[in-house]
Amino acid sequence: MLSARDICKSYRSQGVETPVLRNVSLDIEPGGFVAIVGRSGSGKSTLLSVLSTLLRPDSGALTWQGRAIDHASERVINALRRKDFSVVFQQHQLMPYLTAQENVLLPFMHGLRPVKREQTDRARECLARVGLAGKGERLPGQLSGGEQQRVAIARALATSPAMLFADEPTGSLDKATGQGIMELLAGLNSDGPAVVLVTHEPAYAKLARTVAVMEDGRLTIQA
């Protein structure tokens, strides 16, 4: 479904170019659950950003359902993000002045057009799916850290994506709450989108079907 071949990415600072991804290849099948692990600075978050189209690779090929997207137009990329790809970040990035339900509805808000009834129903359904039924009218400040991250996951699910990318989604949570978020992602994957997870916790990675280890910009699939 999503295929990366020989992906390279470097960053330039003060005239010095530093390689971050070195000929990385990875395939994610429909319904797959891939955990990308590695030390801080190994390149795992950069890889997730390239896979999710937030960053363009310097070289290599990235294809989605057989179609090249590594140099696709912004129009094509934006359509892909609206329909097929969703990203959950370490910081939940909720709007503090919007309710939980309104935050989940953000992907449907375009200009001054009101959201449709079916979109509101979808938002409620997603909140219920992540264990927040009945809390849609609460502001983020009235929710715990784990609940706020669940709202972020519900927002990512709202458009029924085929791919869900999660970049250290438990990084700002305590261990028990983080474990709950990980079990939620694993449960969602069992009957929903493919999941690509970046984590530094080996215990969390064990919930994935495939574990990929980043080291010095190179990727190795664990047996």
N, C-alpha and C. Protein backbone atom coordinates (compact mmCIF):
# COMPACT_ATOMS: atom_id res chain seq x y z
N MET A 1 0.84 -1.21 0.00
CA MET A 1 0.00 0.00 0.00
C MET A 1 0.87 1.26 0.00
N LEU A 2 1.77 1.38 1.02
CA LEU A 2 2.73 2.49 1.06
C LEU A 2 4.12 1.89 0.98
N SER A 3 4.90 2.36 0.03
CA SER A 3 6.22 1.77 -0.19
C SER A 3 7.27 2.86 -0.29
N ALA A 4 8.35 2.69 0.47
CA ALA A 4 9.49 3.59 0.41
C ALA A 4 10.70 2.82 -0.09
N ARG A 5 11.43 3.39 -1.04
CA ARG A 5 12.59 2.73 -1.61
C ARG A 5 13.79 3.67 -1.64
N ASP A 6 14.85 3.27 -0.94
CA ASP A 6 16.12 4.00 -0.96
C ASP A 6 15.95 5.48 -0.65
N ILE A 7 15.19 5.75 0.40
CA ILE A 7 14.92 7.14 0.80
C ILE A 7 16.15 7.74 1.48
N CYS A 8 16.55 8.91 1.01
CA CYS A 8 17.64 9.66 1.64
C CYS A 8 17.14 11.06 2.01
N LYS A 9 17.60 11.53 3.16
CA LYS A 9 17.25 12.89 3.60
C LYS A 9 18.39 13.45 4.42
N SER A 10 18.78 14.68 4.12
CA SER A 10 19.84 15.35 4.86
C SER A 10 19.36 16.73 5.28
N TYR A 11 19.99 17.26 6.33
CA TYR A 11 19.72 18.62 6.77
C TYR A 11 21.01 19.42 6.66
N ARG A 12 20.88 20.67 6.25
CA ARG A 12 22.04 21.55 6.12
C ARG A 12 21.99 22.64 7.17
N SER A 13 23.07 22.81 7.89
CA SER A 13 23.17 23.84 8.92
C SER A 13 24.55 24.45 8.89
N GLN A 14 24.59 25.77 8.74
CA GLN A 14 25.85 26.52 8.68
C GLN A 14 26.81 25.95 7.64
N GLY A 15 26.23 25.57 6.51
CA GLY A 15 27.05 25.08 5.41
C GLY A 15 27.45 23.63 5.51
N VAL A 16 27.03 22.96 6.59
CA VAL A 16 27.39 21.55 6.78
C VAL A 16 26.15 20.68 6.56
N GLU A 17 26.27 19.69 5.70
CA GLU A 17 25.15 18.79 5.41
C GLU A 17 25.28 17.51 6.24
N THR A 18 24.22 17.20 6.98
CA THR A 18 24.22 16.02 7.84
C THR A 18 23.19 15.02 7.34
N PRO A 19 23.61 13.83 6.92
CA PRO A 19 22.65 12.80 6.48
C PRO A 19 21.83 12.30 7.67
N VAL A 20 20.52 12.19 7.47
CA VAL A 20 19.63 11.69 8.52
C VAL A 20 19.02 10.35 8.13
N LEU A 21 18.63 10.21 6.87
CA LEU A 21 18.13 8.94 6.35
C LEU A 21 19.05 8.48 5.23
N ARG A 22 19.49 7.22 5.33
CA ARG A 22 20.45 6.68 4.36
C ARG A 22 19.85 5.46 3.67
N ASN A 23 19.33 5.65 2.47
CA ASN A 23 18.81 4.55 1.65
C ASN A 23 17.84 3.64 2.42
N VAL A 24 16.83 4.27 3.01
CA VAL A 24 15.84 3.55 3.80
C VAL A 24 14.75 2.99 2.90
N SER A 25 14.42 1.72 3.10
CA SER A 25 13.33 1.07 2.36
C SER A 25 12.37 0.42 3.35
N LEU A 26 11.07 0.55 3.08
CA LEU A 26 10.06 0.00 3.99
C LEU A 26 8.74 -0.14 3.23
N ASP A 27 8.05 -1.25 3.48
CA ASP A 27 6.72 -1.47 2.91
C ASP A 27 5.70 -1.59 4.03
N ILE A 28 4.57 -0.89 3.89
CA ILE A 28 3.48 -1.00 4.85
C ILE A 28 2.26 -1.51 4.11
N GLU A 29 1.79 -2.68 4.51
CA GLU A 29 0.66 -3.32 3.86
C GLU A 29 -0.66 -2.86 4.47
N PRO A 30 -1.79 -3.05 3.80
CA PRO A 30 -3.09 -2.71 4.39
C PRO A 30 -3.29 -3.43 5.72
N GLY A 31 -3.69 -2.68 6.74
CA GLY A 31 -3.90 -3.26 8.05
C GLY A 31 -2.63 -3.52 8.83
N GLY A 32 -1.48 -3.10 8.31
CA GLY A 32 -0.21 -3.33 9.00
C GLY A 32 -0.06 -2.46 10.23
N PHE A 33 0.83 -2.88 11.12
CA PHE A 33 1.16 -2.10 12.31
C PHE A 33 2.68 -2.16 12.46
N VAL A 34 3.34 -1.05 12.12
CA VAL A 34 4.80 -0.97 12.14
C VAL A 34 5.25 -0.02 13.23
N ALA A 35 6.14 -0.49 14.11
CA ALA A 35 6.74 0.36 15.13
C ALA A 35 8.17 0.68 14.71
N ILE A 36 8.51 1.94 14.65
CA ILE A 36 9.87 2.37 14.33
C ILE A 36 10.54 2.80 15.63
N VAL A 37 11.60 2.11 16.01
CA VAL A 37 12.27 2.38 17.27
C VAL A 37 13.72 2.78 17.00
N GLY A 38 14.34 3.37 18.01
CA GLY A 38 15.73 3.78 17.88
C GLY A 38 16.05 4.88 18.87
N ARG A 39 17.34 5.12 19.05
CA ARG A 39 17.78 6.16 19.97
C ARG A 39 17.36 7.54 19.46
N SER A 40 17.36 8.51 20.37
CA SER A 40 17.10 9.90 19.98
C SER A 40 18.13 10.34 18.95
N GLY A 41 17.66 10.94 17.86
CA GLY A 41 18.56 11.40 16.82
C GLY A 41 18.89 10.36 15.78
N SER A 42 18.27 9.19 15.85
CA SER A 42 18.58 8.12 14.90
C SER A 42 17.91 8.33 13.55
N GLY A 43 16.89 9.20 13.50
CA GLY A 43 16.21 9.49 12.24
C GLY A 43 14.79 8.96 12.15
N LYS A 44 14.29 8.39 13.27
CA LYS A 44 12.97 7.75 13.19
C LYS A 44 11.84 8.76 12.96
N SER A 45 11.88 9.91 13.60
CA SER A 45 10.82 10.91 13.38
C SER A 45 10.91 11.52 11.99
N THR A 46 12.13 11.69 11.49
CA THR A 46 12.29 12.18 10.12
C THR A 46 11.71 11.19 9.13
N LEU A 47 11.93 9.90 9.37
CA LEU A 47 11.36 8.88 8.48
C LEU A 47 9.84 8.95 8.50
N LEU A 48 9.25 9.08 9.69
CA LEU A 48 7.79 9.16 9.76
C LEU A 48 7.29 10.39 9.02
N SER A 49 8.01 11.50 9.13
CA SER A 49 7.60 12.73 8.43
C SER A 49 7.66 12.55 6.92
N VAL A 50 8.64 11.81 6.43
CA VAL A 50 8.72 11.55 4.99
C VAL A 50 7.60 10.62 4.56
N LEU A 51 7.37 9.55 5.34
CA LEU A 51 6.32 8.59 4.97
C LEU A 51 4.94 9.25 4.95
N SER A 52 4.72 10.20 5.86
CA SER A 52 3.41 10.86 5.97
C SER A 52 3.31 12.09 5.08
N THR A 53 4.32 12.36 4.27
CA THR A 53 4.39 13.47 3.30
C THR A 53 4.58 14.83 3.95
N LEU A 54 4.91 14.87 5.25
CA LEU A 54 5.19 16.16 5.88
C LEU A 54 6.54 16.70 5.44
N LEU A 55 7.44 15.80 5.04
CA LEU A 55 8.74 16.17 4.48
C LEU A 55 8.91 15.45 3.15
N ARG A 56 9.58 16.10 2.22
CA ARG A 56 9.91 15.45 0.95
C ARG A 56 11.33 14.87 1.04
N PRO A 57 11.55 13.67 0.52
CA PRO A 57 12.90 13.10 0.54
C PRO A 57 13.81 13.82 -0.45
N ASP A 58 15.11 13.74 -0.18
CA ASP A 58 16.07 14.29 -1.14
C ASP A 58 16.18 13.38 -2.36
N SER A 59 16.08 12.08 -2.12
CA SER A 59 16.13 11.11 -3.21
C SER A 59 15.43 9.83 -2.77
N GLY A 60 15.21 8.95 -3.71
CA GLY A 60 14.48 7.73 -3.42
C GLY A 60 13.05 7.84 -3.93
N ALA A 61 12.28 6.77 -3.74
CA ALA A 61 10.91 6.71 -4.25
C ALA A 61 9.93 6.41 -3.13
N LEU A 62 8.84 7.16 -3.11
CA LEU A 62 7.74 6.93 -2.17
C LEU A 62 6.47 6.76 -2.99
N THR A 63 5.82 5.62 -2.85
CA THR A 63 4.61 5.36 -3.63
C THR A 63 3.45 5.00 -2.72
N TRP A 64 2.27 5.44 -3.12
CA TRP A 64 1.03 5.14 -2.40
C TRP A 64 0.09 4.45 -3.37
N GLN A 65 -0.25 3.21 -3.05
CA GLN A 65 -1.11 2.40 -3.92
C GLN A 65 -0.61 2.40 -5.36
N GLY A 66 0.71 2.29 -5.49
CA GLY A 66 1.35 2.20 -6.79
C GLY A 66 1.61 3.52 -7.48
N ARG A 67 1.22 4.63 -6.86
CA ARG A 67 1.39 5.94 -7.48
C ARG A 67 2.50 6.71 -6.78
N ALA A 68 3.44 7.25 -7.54
CA ALA A 68 4.54 8.01 -6.96
C ALA A 68 4.04 9.29 -6.30
N ILE A 69 4.45 9.51 -5.05
CA ILE A 69 4.03 10.72 -4.34
C ILE A 69 5.20 11.52 -3.80
N ASP A 70 6.44 11.06 -4.01
CA ASP A 70 7.59 11.77 -3.44
C ASP A 70 7.77 13.16 -4.04
N HIS A 71 7.32 13.36 -5.27
CA HIS A 71 7.40 14.69 -5.87
C HIS A 71 6.04 15.12 -6.41
N ALA A 72 4.98 14.66 -5.77
CA ALA A 72 3.63 15.03 -6.19
C ALA A 72 3.36 16.50 -5.90
N SER A 73 2.41 17.08 -6.59
CA SER A 73 2.05 18.49 -6.39
C SER A 73 1.41 18.68 -5.02
N GLU A 74 1.41 19.91 -4.56
CA GLU A 74 0.78 20.23 -3.27
C GLU A 74 -0.70 19.88 -3.29
N ARG A 75 -1.34 20.05 -4.43
CA ARG A 75 -2.76 19.71 -4.53
C ARG A 75 -2.97 18.23 -4.28
N VAL A 76 -2.14 17.41 -4.87
CA VAL A 76 -2.26 15.96 -4.68
C VAL A 76 -1.95 15.57 -3.24
N ILE A 77 -0.89 16.17 -2.68
CA ILE A 77 -0.50 15.86 -1.30
C ILE A 77 -1.59 16.29 -0.33
N ASN A 78 -2.15 17.46 -0.52
CA ASN A 78 -3.21 17.93 0.38
C ASN A 78 -4.43 17.03 0.31
N ALA A 79 -4.77 16.57 -0.88
CA ALA A 79 -5.90 15.66 -1.03
C ALA A 79 -5.62 14.33 -0.32
N LEU A 80 -4.37 13.88 -0.40
CA LEU A 80 -3.98 12.64 0.26
C LEU A 80 -4.10 12.78 1.78
N ARG A 81 -3.68 13.91 2.30
CA ARG A 81 -3.76 14.13 3.75
C ARG A 81 -5.21 14.25 4.21
N ARG A 82 -6.06 14.83 3.39
CA ARG A 82 -7.46 14.97 3.78
C ARG A 82 -8.19 13.63 3.78
N LYS A 83 -7.81 12.74 2.87
CA LYS A 83 -8.58 11.53 2.66
C LYS A 83 -7.95 10.28 3.27
N ASP A 84 -6.65 10.08 3.06
CA ASP A 84 -6.03 8.79 3.36
C ASP A 84 -5.04 8.79 4.52
N PHE A 85 -4.38 9.92 4.79
CA PHE A 85 -3.35 9.97 5.81
C PHE A 85 -3.80 10.85 6.99
N SER A 86 -3.49 10.39 8.21
CA SER A 86 -3.69 11.22 9.40
C SER A 86 -2.49 11.05 10.31
N VAL A 87 -2.15 12.11 11.03
CA VAL A 87 -0.97 12.10 11.91
C VAL A 87 -1.36 12.49 13.32
N VAL A 88 -0.84 11.73 14.30
CA VAL A 88 -0.98 12.06 15.71
C VAL A 88 0.41 12.38 16.24
N PHE A 89 0.56 13.55 16.85
CA PHE A 89 1.86 14.00 17.33
C PHE A 89 2.00 13.77 18.83
N GLN A 90 3.23 13.95 19.33
CA GLN A 90 3.48 13.80 20.77
C GLN A 90 2.65 14.80 21.56
N GLN A 91 2.65 16.04 21.13
CA GLN A 91 1.79 17.05 21.74
C GLN A 91 0.47 17.03 20.98
N HIS A 92 -0.63 16.91 21.69
CA HIS A 92 -1.93 16.66 21.07
C HIS A 92 -2.39 17.75 20.12
N GLN A 93 -1.90 18.99 20.30
CA GLN A 93 -2.20 20.10 19.39
C GLN A 93 -3.70 20.34 19.24
N LEU A 94 -4.39 20.36 20.37
CA LEU A 94 -5.81 20.70 20.36
C LEU A 94 -5.98 22.21 20.47
N MET A 95 -7.06 22.71 19.92
CA MET A 95 -7.40 24.13 20.08
C MET A 95 -8.04 24.31 21.45
N PRO A 96 -7.43 25.09 22.34
CA PRO A 96 -7.91 25.16 23.74
C PRO A 96 -9.28 25.79 23.90
N TYR A 97 -9.71 26.57 22.93
CA TYR A 97 -11.00 27.27 23.02
C TYR A 97 -12.12 26.50 22.32
N LEU A 98 -11.80 25.33 21.76
CA LEU A 98 -12.81 24.49 21.13
C LEU A 98 -13.08 23.28 22.01
N THR A 99 -14.31 22.79 22.00
CA THR A 99 -14.64 21.59 22.76
C THR A 99 -13.97 20.38 22.12
N ALA A 100 -14.00 19.26 22.84
CA ALA A 100 -13.44 18.02 22.30
C ALA A 100 -14.09 17.68 20.97
N GLN A 101 -15.41 17.77 20.91
CA GLN A 101 -16.11 17.45 19.66
C GLN A 101 -15.72 18.41 18.55
N GLU A 102 -15.61 19.69 18.85
CA GLU A 102 -15.23 20.66 17.83
C GLU A 102 -13.80 20.41 17.34
N ASN A 103 -12.90 19.99 18.24
CA ASN A 103 -11.55 19.64 17.82
C ASN A 103 -11.55 18.46 16.86
N VAL A 104 -12.40 17.48 17.13
CA VAL A 104 -12.49 16.33 16.24
C VAL A 104 -13.06 16.74 14.88
N LEU A 105 -13.90 17.75 14.85
CA LEU A 105 -14.53 18.22 13.61
C LEU A 105 -13.60 19.09 12.76
N LEU A 106 -12.43 19.46 13.27
CA LEU A 106 -11.55 20.37 12.54
C LEU A 106 -11.23 19.91 11.11
N PRO A 107 -11.01 18.62 10.86
CA PRO A 107 -10.72 18.22 9.47
C PRO A 107 -11.86 18.53 8.49
N PHE A 108 -13.07 18.74 9.01
CA PHE A 108 -14.21 19.00 8.15
C PHE A 108 -14.51 20.49 8.00
N MET A 109 -13.78 21.32 8.72
CA MET A 109 -14.06 22.75 8.72
C MET A 109 -13.28 23.43 7.61
N HIS A 110 -13.99 23.93 6.62
CA HIS A 110 -13.37 24.62 5.48
C HIS A 110 -14.09 25.94 5.27
N GLY A 111 -13.38 27.03 5.54
CA GLY A 111 -13.99 28.34 5.37
C GLY A 111 -15.16 28.56 6.31
N LEU A 112 -16.22 29.13 5.79
CA LEU A 112 -17.39 29.45 6.61
C LEU A 112 -18.51 28.43 6.45
N ARG A 113 -18.25 27.35 5.72
CA ARG A 113 -19.29 26.35 5.53
C ARG A 113 -19.55 25.58 6.82
N PRO A 114 -20.81 25.44 7.21
CA PRO A 114 -21.12 24.66 8.42
C PRO A 114 -20.84 23.19 8.20
N VAL A 115 -20.48 22.48 9.28
CA VAL A 115 -20.27 21.04 9.16
C VAL A 115 -21.61 20.35 8.98
N LYS A 116 -21.59 19.22 8.34
CA LYS A 116 -22.81 18.48 8.05
C LYS A 116 -23.20 17.62 9.26
N ARG A 117 -24.46 17.26 9.29
CA ARG A 117 -24.96 16.43 10.39
C ARG A 117 -24.20 15.11 10.48
N GLU A 118 -23.93 14.50 9.33
CA GLU A 118 -23.23 13.22 9.35
C GLU A 118 -21.79 13.37 9.85
N GLN A 119 -21.19 14.55 9.64
CA GLN A 119 -19.84 14.79 10.16
C GLN A 119 -19.86 14.94 11.68
N THR A 120 -20.89 15.60 12.20
CA THR A 120 -21.04 15.69 13.65
C THR A 120 -21.27 14.32 14.25
N ASP A 121 -22.08 13.52 13.59
CA ASP A 121 -22.31 12.15 14.07
C ASP A 121 -21.01 11.36 14.04
N ARG A 122 -20.20 11.57 13.00
CA ARG A 122 -18.92 10.87 12.90
C ARG A 122 -18.00 11.29 14.05
N ALA A 123 -17.98 12.56 14.40
CA ALA A 123 -17.15 13.04 15.50
C ALA A 123 -17.55 12.37 16.81
N ARG A 124 -18.83 12.28 17.07
CA ARG A 124 -19.31 11.62 18.28
C ARG A 124 -18.91 10.14 18.28
N GLU A 125 -19.03 9.52 17.11
CA GLU A 125 -18.67 8.10 16.99
C GLU A 125 -17.19 7.89 17.29
N CYS A 126 -16.34 8.78 16.78
CA CYS A 126 -14.90 8.65 17.01
C CYS A 126 -14.55 8.88 18.48
N LEU A 127 -15.20 9.85 19.10
CA LEU A 127 -14.96 10.07 20.54
C LEU A 127 -15.37 8.85 21.35
N ALA A 128 -16.49 8.26 20.99
CA ALA A 128 -16.93 7.05 21.70
C ALA A 128 -15.93 5.92 21.48
N ARG A 129 -15.39 5.84 20.29
CA ARG A 129 -14.47 4.75 19.96
C ARG A 129 -13.19 4.83 20.77
N VAL A 130 -12.78 6.03 21.15
CA VAL A 130 -11.57 6.18 21.96
C VAL A 130 -11.89 6.31 23.45
N GLY A 131 -13.13 6.00 23.83
CA GLY A 131 -13.49 5.96 25.24
C GLY A 131 -13.90 7.29 25.83
N LEU A 132 -14.35 8.24 25.00
CA LEU A 132 -14.72 9.57 25.50
C LEU A 132 -16.18 9.91 25.22
N ALA A 133 -17.02 8.90 25.15
CA ALA A 133 -18.45 9.16 24.97
C ALA A 133 -18.96 10.02 26.12
N GLY A 134 -19.73 11.05 25.79
CA GLY A 134 -20.28 11.93 26.81
C GLY A 134 -19.37 13.08 27.22
N LYS A 135 -18.15 13.14 26.66
CA LYS A 135 -17.22 14.21 27.04
C LYS A 135 -16.96 15.17 25.88
N GLY A 136 -17.79 15.11 24.86
CA GLY A 136 -17.57 15.94 23.68
C GLY A 136 -17.69 17.42 23.90
N GLU A 137 -18.44 17.85 24.93
CA GLU A 137 -18.63 19.28 25.18
C GLU A 137 -17.58 19.86 26.13
N ARG A 138 -16.65 19.06 26.58
CA ARG A 138 -15.61 19.56 27.48
C ARG A 138 -14.49 20.22 26.69
N LEU A 139 -13.93 21.28 27.27
CA LEU A 139 -12.76 21.92 26.70
C LEU A 139 -11.52 21.10 27.03
N PRO A 140 -10.44 21.21 26.24
CA PRO A 140 -9.23 20.44 26.54
C PRO A 140 -8.73 20.63 27.97
N GLY A 141 -8.86 21.84 28.50
CA GLY A 141 -8.39 22.09 29.86
C GLY A 141 -9.18 21.35 30.92
N GLN A 142 -10.32 20.82 30.55
CA GLN A 142 -11.14 20.04 31.48
C GLN A 142 -10.90 18.54 31.34
N LEU A 143 -9.91 18.18 30.52
CA LEU A 143 -9.59 16.77 30.30
C LEU A 143 -8.17 16.47 30.78
N SER A 144 -7.93 15.23 31.14
CA SER A 144 -6.58 14.81 31.54
C SER A 144 -5.69 14.74 30.30
N GLY A 145 -4.37 14.59 30.53
CA GLY A 145 -3.45 14.49 29.41
C GLY A 145 -3.76 13.31 28.51
N GLY A 146 -4.08 12.18 29.12
CA GLY A 146 -4.43 11.00 28.34
C GLY A 146 -5.71 11.20 27.56
N GLU A 147 -6.67 11.88 28.15
CA GLU A 147 -7.93 12.15 27.45
C GLU A 147 -7.71 13.11 26.28
N GLN A 148 -6.84 14.10 26.47
CA GLN A 148 -6.54 15.03 25.38
C GLN A 148 -5.89 14.29 24.20
N GLN A 149 -5.00 13.34 24.51
CA GLN A 149 -4.39 12.58 23.43
C GLN A 149 -5.42 11.69 22.74
N ARG A 150 -6.41 11.20 23.48
CA ARG A 150 -7.48 10.42 22.88
C ARG A 150 -8.33 11.28 21.94
N VAL A 151 -8.53 12.55 22.30
CA VAL A 151 -9.24 13.47 21.40
C VAL A 151 -8.43 13.64 20.11
N ALA A 152 -7.10 13.77 20.23
CA ALA A 152 -6.26 13.90 19.05
C ALA A 152 -6.35 12.66 18.16
N ILE A 153 -6.44 11.49 18.77
CA ILE A 153 -6.58 10.26 17.99
C ILE A 153 -7.96 10.22 17.33
N ALA A 154 -8.99 10.63 18.07
CA ALA A 154 -10.34 10.68 17.49
C ALA A 154 -10.37 11.62 16.29
N ARG A 155 -9.69 12.75 16.40
CA ARG A 155 -9.62 13.70 15.27
C ARG A 155 -8.94 13.05 14.07
N ALA A 156 -7.87 12.29 14.33
CA ALA A 156 -7.17 11.62 13.25
C ALA A 156 -8.04 10.56 12.58
N LEU A 157 -8.95 9.97 13.34
CA LEU A 157 -9.82 8.92 12.80
C LEU A 157 -11.03 9.48 12.06
N ALA A 158 -11.33 10.75 12.26
CA ALA A 158 -12.59 11.32 11.78
C ALA A 158 -12.79 11.15 10.28
N THR A 159 -11.70 11.22 9.51
CA THR A 159 -11.82 11.14 8.05
C THR A 159 -11.71 9.70 7.54
N SER A 160 -11.72 8.73 8.45
CA SER A 160 -11.59 7.30 8.09
C SER A 160 -10.34 7.06 7.25
N PRO A 161 -9.15 7.44 7.76
CA PRO A 161 -7.93 7.30 6.96
C PRO A 161 -7.53 5.84 6.77
N ALA A 162 -6.78 5.60 5.71
CA ALA A 162 -6.21 4.28 5.50
C ALA A 162 -4.90 4.11 6.25
N MET A 163 -4.22 5.25 6.54
CA MET A 163 -2.93 5.23 7.24
C MET A 163 -2.98 6.18 8.42
N LEU A 164 -2.57 5.70 9.59
CA LEU A 164 -2.49 6.54 10.78
C LEU A 164 -1.04 6.55 11.24
N PHE A 165 -0.42 7.72 11.23
CA PHE A 165 0.96 7.89 11.66
C PHE A 165 0.96 8.50 13.07
N ALA A 166 1.75 7.92 13.97
CA ALA A 166 1.79 8.40 15.35
C ALA A 166 3.24 8.61 15.75
N ASP A 167 3.61 9.86 16.04
CA ASP A 167 4.99 10.22 16.38
C ASP A 167 5.11 10.41 17.89
N GLU A 168 5.63 9.40 18.57
CA GLU A 168 5.81 9.42 20.03
C GLU A 168 4.52 9.88 20.72
N PRO A 169 3.38 9.24 20.46
CA PRO A 169 2.11 9.73 21.01
C PRO A 169 1.99 9.60 22.52
N THR A 170 2.92 8.86 23.14
CA THR A 170 2.88 8.70 24.60
C THR A 170 4.01 9.45 25.29
N GLY A 171 4.76 10.24 24.52
CA GLY A 171 5.97 10.87 25.06
C GLY A 171 5.74 11.82 26.22
N SER A 172 4.57 12.44 26.27
CA SER A 172 4.29 13.42 27.33
C SER A 172 3.38 12.84 28.42
N LEU A 173 3.18 11.51 28.39
CA LEU A 173 2.25 10.88 29.33
C LEU A 173 2.99 9.97 30.31
N ASP A 174 2.37 9.73 31.46
CA ASP A 174 2.96 8.77 32.39
C ASP A 174 2.82 7.38 31.80
N LYS A 175 3.55 6.42 32.41
CA LYS A 175 3.65 5.09 31.82
C LYS A 175 2.29 4.39 31.72
N ALA A 176 1.49 4.48 32.78
CA ALA A 176 0.20 3.80 32.77
C ALA A 176 -0.73 4.38 31.71
N THR A 177 -0.76 5.71 31.62
CA THR A 177 -1.60 6.37 30.61
C THR A 177 -1.08 6.06 29.21
N GLY A 178 0.24 6.06 29.06
CA GLY A 178 0.84 5.73 27.78
C GLY A 178 0.50 4.33 27.33
N GLN A 179 0.50 3.39 28.26
CA GLN A 179 0.14 2.02 27.92
C GLN A 179 -1.31 1.95 27.41
N GLY A 180 -2.19 2.73 28.04
CA GLY A 180 -3.58 2.77 27.60
C GLY A 180 -3.71 3.30 26.19
N ILE A 181 -2.93 4.34 25.86
CA ILE A 181 -2.96 4.91 24.51
C ILE A 181 -2.45 3.88 23.50
N MET A 182 -1.39 3.16 23.87
CA MET A 182 -0.85 2.16 22.96
C MET A 182 -1.84 1.02 22.72
N GLU A 183 -2.49 0.58 23.77
CA GLU A 183 -3.49 -0.48 23.61
C GLU A 183 -4.66 0.00 22.76
N LEU A 184 -4.99 1.28 22.88
CA LEU A 184 -6.04 1.86 22.05
C LEU A 184 -5.63 1.82 20.57
N LEU A 185 -4.40 2.23 20.27
CA LEU A 185 -3.92 2.22 18.89
C LEU A 185 -3.92 0.80 18.32
N ALA A 186 -3.48 -0.16 19.14
CA ALA A 186 -3.47 -1.55 18.68
C ALA A 186 -4.88 -2.04 18.40
N GLY A 187 -5.83 -1.66 19.24
CA GLY A 187 -7.22 -2.06 19.03
C GLY A 187 -7.81 -1.42 17.79
N LEU A 188 -7.48 -0.14 17.56
CA LEU A 188 -7.97 0.54 16.36
C LEU A 188 -7.41 -0.09 15.11
N ASN A 189 -6.15 -0.50 15.17
CA ASN A 189 -5.51 -1.12 14.02
C ASN A 189 -6.14 -2.46 13.66
N SER A 190 -6.65 -3.16 14.65
CA SER A 190 -7.18 -4.51 14.40
C SER A 190 -8.37 -4.51 13.45
N ASP A 191 -9.10 -3.40 13.39
CA ASP A 191 -10.23 -3.35 12.47
C ASP A 191 -10.32 -1.99 11.77
N GLY A 192 -9.18 -1.33 11.62
CA GLY A 192 -9.20 0.00 11.02
C GLY A 192 -7.96 0.27 10.19
N PRO A 193 -7.36 1.45 10.35
CA PRO A 193 -6.25 1.85 9.49
C PRO A 193 -4.96 1.11 9.80
N ALA A 194 -4.06 1.10 8.83
CA ALA A 194 -2.69 0.69 9.09
C ALA A 194 -2.06 1.75 10.00
N VAL A 195 -1.16 1.32 10.89
CA VAL A 195 -0.56 2.24 11.85
C VAL A 195 0.96 2.20 11.70
N VAL A 196 1.57 3.39 11.64
CA VAL A 196 3.02 3.51 11.69
C VAL A 196 3.33 4.34 12.93
N LEU A 197 4.04 3.74 13.86
CA LEU A 197 4.29 4.33 15.17
C LEU A 197 5.77 4.56 15.38
N VAL A 198 6.13 5.74 15.85
CA VAL A 198 7.49 6.01 16.31
C VAL A 198 7.47 6.00 17.84
N THR A 199 8.33 5.21 18.44
CA THR A 199 8.40 5.14 19.90
C THR A 199 9.81 4.80 20.34
N HIS A 200 10.15 5.23 21.55
CA HIS A 200 11.44 4.85 22.13
C HIS A 200 11.26 3.77 23.19
N GLU A 201 10.02 3.29 23.37
CA GLU A 201 9.71 2.30 24.40
C GLU A 201 9.62 0.90 23.78
N PRO A 202 10.56 0.02 24.05
CA PRO A 202 10.51 -1.35 23.50
C PRO A 202 9.22 -2.08 23.87
N ALA A 203 8.70 -1.83 25.08
CA ALA A 203 7.48 -2.52 25.50
C ALA A 203 6.30 -2.12 24.63
N TYR A 204 6.23 -0.86 24.22
CA TYR A 204 5.15 -0.42 23.35
C TYR A 204 5.31 -1.02 21.95
N ALA A 205 6.56 -1.11 21.50
CA ALA A 205 6.81 -1.64 20.15
C ALA A 205 6.36 -3.08 20.03
N LYS A 206 6.32 -3.82 21.12
CA LYS A 206 5.93 -5.22 21.08
C LYS A 206 4.47 -5.40 20.66
N LEU A 207 3.66 -4.34 20.77
CA LEU A 207 2.27 -4.42 20.35
C LEU A 207 2.13 -4.40 18.83
N ALA A 208 3.19 -3.98 18.14
CA ALA A 208 3.15 -3.90 16.68
C ALA A 208 3.42 -5.27 16.06
N ARG A 209 3.01 -5.41 14.81
CA ARG A 209 3.27 -6.66 14.09
C ARG A 209 4.66 -6.68 13.47
N THR A 210 5.18 -5.48 13.17
CA THR A 210 6.52 -5.35 12.59
C THR A 210 7.28 -4.29 13.36
N VAL A 211 8.53 -4.60 13.72
CA VAL A 211 9.39 -3.64 14.42
C VAL A 211 10.56 -3.31 13.52
N ALA A 212 10.75 -2.02 13.25
CA ALA A 212 11.85 -1.54 12.42
C ALA A 212 12.77 -0.69 13.28
N VAL A 213 14.05 -0.99 13.27
CA VAL A 213 15.02 -0.30 14.12
C VAL A 213 15.82 0.70 13.29
N MET A 214 15.81 1.96 13.72
CA MET A 214 16.62 3.00 13.09
C MET A 214 17.92 3.16 13.87
N GLU A 215 19.03 3.16 13.14
CA GLU A 215 20.33 3.39 13.75
C GLU A 215 21.22 4.11 12.75
N ASP A 216 21.65 5.31 13.12
CA ASP A 216 22.50 6.13 12.25
C ASP A 216 21.91 6.29 10.86
N GLY A 217 20.59 6.49 10.82
CA GLY A 217 19.93 6.77 9.56
C GLY A 217 19.63 5.57 8.70
N ARG A 218 19.91 4.37 9.21
CA ARG A 218 19.63 3.15 8.45
C ARG A 218 18.56 2.34 9.17
N LEU A 219 17.76 1.62 8.39
CA LEU A 219 16.62 0.89 8.92
C LEU A 219 16.84 -0.62 8.79
N THR A 220 16.56 -1.32 9.91
CA THR A 220 16.65 -2.77 9.91
C THR A 220 15.34 -3.34 10.44
N ILE A 221 14.76 -4.29 9.73
CA ILE A 221 13.53 -4.94 10.17
C ILE A 221 13.89 -6.09 11.10
N GLN A 222 13.32 -6.10 12.30
CA GLN A 222 13.58 -7.18 13.25
C GLN A 222 12.80 -8.43 12.84
N ALA A 223 13.42 -9.55 13.02
CA ALA A 223 12.76 -10.82 12.73
C ALA A 223 11.72 -11.13 13.80
